[in-house]
Amino acid sequence: MNKTQMEGDWKVLKGKIKEKWGKLTDDDLKVIEGARDQIAGKLQARYGYAKEQAEKELHEFCNKC
């Protein structure tokens, strides 16, 4: 899934993201609005992931979608 697809399908993806990463709040998702790099940043902040781990998990998630 590329950036354009992610932004276009944001409403659907928000639910899937909340299922996978429940620590992300509705406010987090409102700020993110489909921006992949911001999702990785929020994962780092909420879960304490290193940048590489956040990117890896996000990449795997996007490949499944």
C-alpha atoms as a PDB file:
ATOM      1  CA  MET A   1       0.000   0.000   0.000  1.00  0.00           C
ATOM      2  CA  ASN A   2       1.496   3.319  -0.996  1.00  0.00           C
ATOM      3  CA  LYS A   3       1.024   6.769   0.569  1.00  0.00           C
ATOM      4  CA  THR A   4      -1.768   7.813  -1.803  1.00  0.00           C
ATOM      5  CA  GLN A   5      -3.720   4.619  -1.171  1.00  0.00           C
ATOM      6  CA  MET A   6      -3.244   4.980   2.565  1.00  0.00           C
ATOM      7  CA  GLU A   7      -4.547   8.538   2.571  1.00  0.00           C
ATOM      8  CA  GLY A   8      -7.477   7.624   0.299  1.00  0.00           C
ATOM      9  CA  ASP A   9      -8.579   4.676   2.430  1.00  0.00           C
ATOM     10  CA  TRP A  10      -7.923   6.405   5.733  1.00  0.00           C
ATOM     11  CA  LYS A  11     -11.398   5.892   7.220  1.00  0.00           C
ATOM     12  CA  VAL A  12     -11.193   2.140   6.696  1.00  0.00           C
ATOM     13  CA  LEU A  13      -7.593   1.943   7.858  1.00  0.00           C
ATOM     14  CA  LYS A  14      -8.228   3.848  11.086  1.00  0.00           C
ATOM     15  CA  GLY A  15     -10.270   0.944  12.434  1.00  0.00           C
ATOM     16  CA  LYS A  16      -7.631  -1.591  11.468  1.00  0.00           C
ATOM     17  CA  ILE A  17      -4.890   0.543  12.990  1.00  0.00           C
ATOM     18  CA  LYS A  18      -6.800   0.849  16.266  1.00  0.00           C
ATOM     19  CA  GLU A  19      -7.278  -2.929  16.347  1.00  0.00           C
ATOM     20  CA  LYS A  20      -3.542  -3.524  15.908  1.00  0.00           C
ATOM     21  CA  TRP A  21      -2.224  -0.638  17.995  1.00  0.00           C
ATOM     22  CA  GLY A  22      -4.835   0.083  20.658  1.00  0.00           C
ATOM     23  CA  LYS A  23      -2.646   2.626  22.448  1.00  0.00           C
ATOM     24  CA  LEU A  24      -3.121   5.087  19.584  1.00  0.00           C
ATOM     25  CA  THR A  25      -5.920   7.469  20.494  1.00  0.00           C
ATOM     26  CA  ASP A  26      -8.609   8.963  18.284  1.00  0.00           C
ATOM     27  CA  ASP A  27      -6.780  12.274  18.639  1.00  0.00           C
ATOM     28  CA  ASP A  28      -3.563  10.636  17.416  1.00  0.00           C
ATOM     29  CA  LEU A  29      -5.349   9.271  14.382  1.00  0.00           C
ATOM     30  CA  LYS A  30      -7.012  12.613  13.677  1.00  0.00           C
ATOM     31  CA  VAL A  31      -3.608  14.327  13.637  1.00  0.00           C
ATOM     32  CA  ILE A  32      -2.035  11.591  11.513  1.00  0.00           C
ATOM     33  CA  GLU A  33      -4.738  11.602   8.788  1.00  0.00           C
ATOM     34  CA  GLY A  34      -2.991   8.895   6.770  1.00  0.00           C
ATOM     35  CA  ALA A  35       0.543  10.271   6.858  1.00  0.00           C
ATOM     36  CA  ARG A  36       2.693   7.146   7.095  1.00  0.00           C
ATOM     37  CA  ASP A  37       5.695   8.856   8.664  1.00  0.00           C
ATOM     38  CA  GLN A  38       3.481  10.302  11.382  1.00  0.00           C
ATOM     39  CA  ILE A  39       2.061   6.868  12.162  1.00  0.00           C
ATOM     40  CA  ALA A  40       5.586   5.559  12.695  1.00  0.00           C
ATOM     41  CA  GLY A  41       6.329   8.516  14.972  1.00  0.00           C
ATOM     42  CA  LYS A  42       3.225   7.886  17.057  1.00  0.00           C
ATOM     43  CA  LEU A  43       4.135   4.204  17.359  1.00  0.00           C
ATOM     44  CA  GLN A  44       7.527   5.246  18.666  1.00  0.00           C
ATOM     45  CA  ALA A  45       5.942   7.604  21.186  1.00  0.00           C
ATOM     46  CA  ARG A  46       3.149   5.319  22.428  1.00  0.00           C
ATOM     47  CA  TYR A  47       4.960   1.992  22.390  1.00  0.00           C
ATOM     48  CA  GLY A  48       8.573   3.055  22.920  1.00  0.00           C
ATOM     49  CA  TYR A  49       9.648   1.446  19.652  1.00  0.00           C
ATOM     50  CA  ALA A  50      12.913   2.305  17.993  1.00  0.00           C
ATOM     51  CA  LYS A  51      12.479   4.004  14.617  1.00  0.00           C
ATOM     52  CA  GLU A  52      13.465   0.827  12.764  1.00  0.00           C
ATOM     53  CA  GLN A  53      10.966  -1.300  14.682  1.00  0.00           C
ATOM     54  CA  ALA A  54       8.136   1.173  14.111  1.00  0.00           C
ATOM     55  CA  GLU A  55       8.902   1.296  10.380  1.00  0.00           C
ATOM     56  CA  LYS A  56       9.118  -2.506  10.189  1.00  0.00           C
ATOM     57  CA  GLU A  57       5.779  -3.049  11.926  1.00  0.00           C
ATOM     58  CA  LEU A  58       4.099  -0.377   9.823  1.00  0.00           C
ATOM     59  CA  HIS A  59       5.547  -1.878   6.635  1.00  0.00           C
ATOM     60  CA  GLU A  60       4.275  -5.342   7.570  1.00  0.00           C
ATOM     61  CA  PHE A  61       0.858  -3.895   8.428  1.00  0.00           C
ATOM     62  CA  CYS A  62       0.623  -2.058   5.117  1.00  0.00           C
ATOM     63  CA  ASN A  63       1.596  -5.169   3.175  1.00  0.00           C
ATOM     64  CA  LYS A  64      -1.278  -7.088   4.789  1.00  0.00           C
ATOM     65  CA  CYS A  65      -3.769  -4.397   3.860  1.00  0.00           C
END
